[in-house]
Amino acid sequence: MPSGTTQVPNITASTDNEAVKIDIQQSQSTTGRAIVNCDYNGVVKTYNIHFTDK
């Protein structure tokens, strides 16, 4: 993210498969981490998105 950014990014996710359930834990700061969990029939894939100053 550009240096000096003060607004915390809002992460979104979508799927075209209705069986996939998505849970998003938003970052609390501009240098934090957002977590996206995608659950398909009990198999969960987790994506960690780390924000840093540039």
Protein backbone atom coordinates (compact mmCIF):
# COMPACT_ATOMS: atom_id res chain seq x y z
CA MET A 1 0.00 0.00 0.00
CA PRO A 2 1.23 3.52 -0.62
CA SER A 3 3.02 5.09 2.31
CA GLY A 4 0.73 7.34 4.34
CA THR A 5 -2.43 5.35 3.62
CA THR A 6 -4.78 5.69 6.58
CA GLN A 7 -7.88 3.82 5.40
CA VAL A 8 -7.91 0.10 6.19
CA PRO A 9 -8.62 -1.91 3.01
CA ASN A 10 -11.86 -3.89 2.85
CA ILE A 11 -11.37 -7.40 1.48
CA THR A 12 -14.15 -9.14 -0.43
CA ALA A 13 -14.40 -12.62 -1.90
CA SER A 14 -16.94 -14.43 -4.02
CA THR A 15 -17.57 -17.82 -5.55
CA ASP A 16 -19.74 -19.22 -8.29
CA ASN A 17 -20.24 -22.44 -6.30
CA GLU A 18 -23.08 -22.23 -3.77
CA ALA A 19 -21.53 -25.08 -1.74
CA VAL A 20 -18.49 -22.93 -0.87
CA LYS A 21 -18.90 -20.89 2.30
CA ILE A 22 -16.64 -17.85 2.64
CA ASP A 23 -15.64 -16.24 5.94
CA ILE A 24 -13.56 -13.04 5.98
CA GLN A 25 -11.75 -11.59 8.98
CA GLN A 26 -10.90 -8.01 8.05
CA SER A 27 -7.61 -6.39 9.00
CA GLN A 28 -7.78 -3.94 11.88
CA SER A 29 -4.95 -1.75 10.57
CA THR A 30 -3.19 -0.69 7.38
CA THR A 31 -0.24 -2.90 8.28
CA GLY A 32 -2.26 -5.85 9.53
CA ARG A 33 -3.57 -9.05 8.02
CA ALA A 34 -6.91 -10.13 6.58
CA ILE A 35 -7.87 -13.80 6.58
CA VAL A 36 -10.21 -15.44 4.07
CA ASN A 37 -11.46 -18.97 4.75
CA CYS A 38 -13.19 -20.91 1.98
CA ASP A 39 -15.02 -24.01 3.20
CA TYR A 40 -16.13 -26.61 0.66
CA ASN A 41 -17.79 -29.60 2.31
CA GLY A 42 -15.50 -29.36 5.34
CA VAL A 43 -12.30 -28.79 3.35
CA VAL A 44 -11.07 -25.32 4.28
CA LYS A 45 -8.55 -23.28 2.34
CA THR A 46 -7.18 -20.25 4.16
CA TYR A 47 -5.76 -17.18 2.44
CA ASN A 48 -3.74 -14.67 4.47
CA ILE A 49 -3.46 -11.18 3.02
CA HIS A 50 -0.72 -9.10 4.65
CA PHE A 51 -0.67 -5.32 4.27
CA THR A 52 2.58 -3.39 4.44
CA ASP A 53 3.69 0.19 3.78
CA LYS A 54 5.50 0.73 0.54
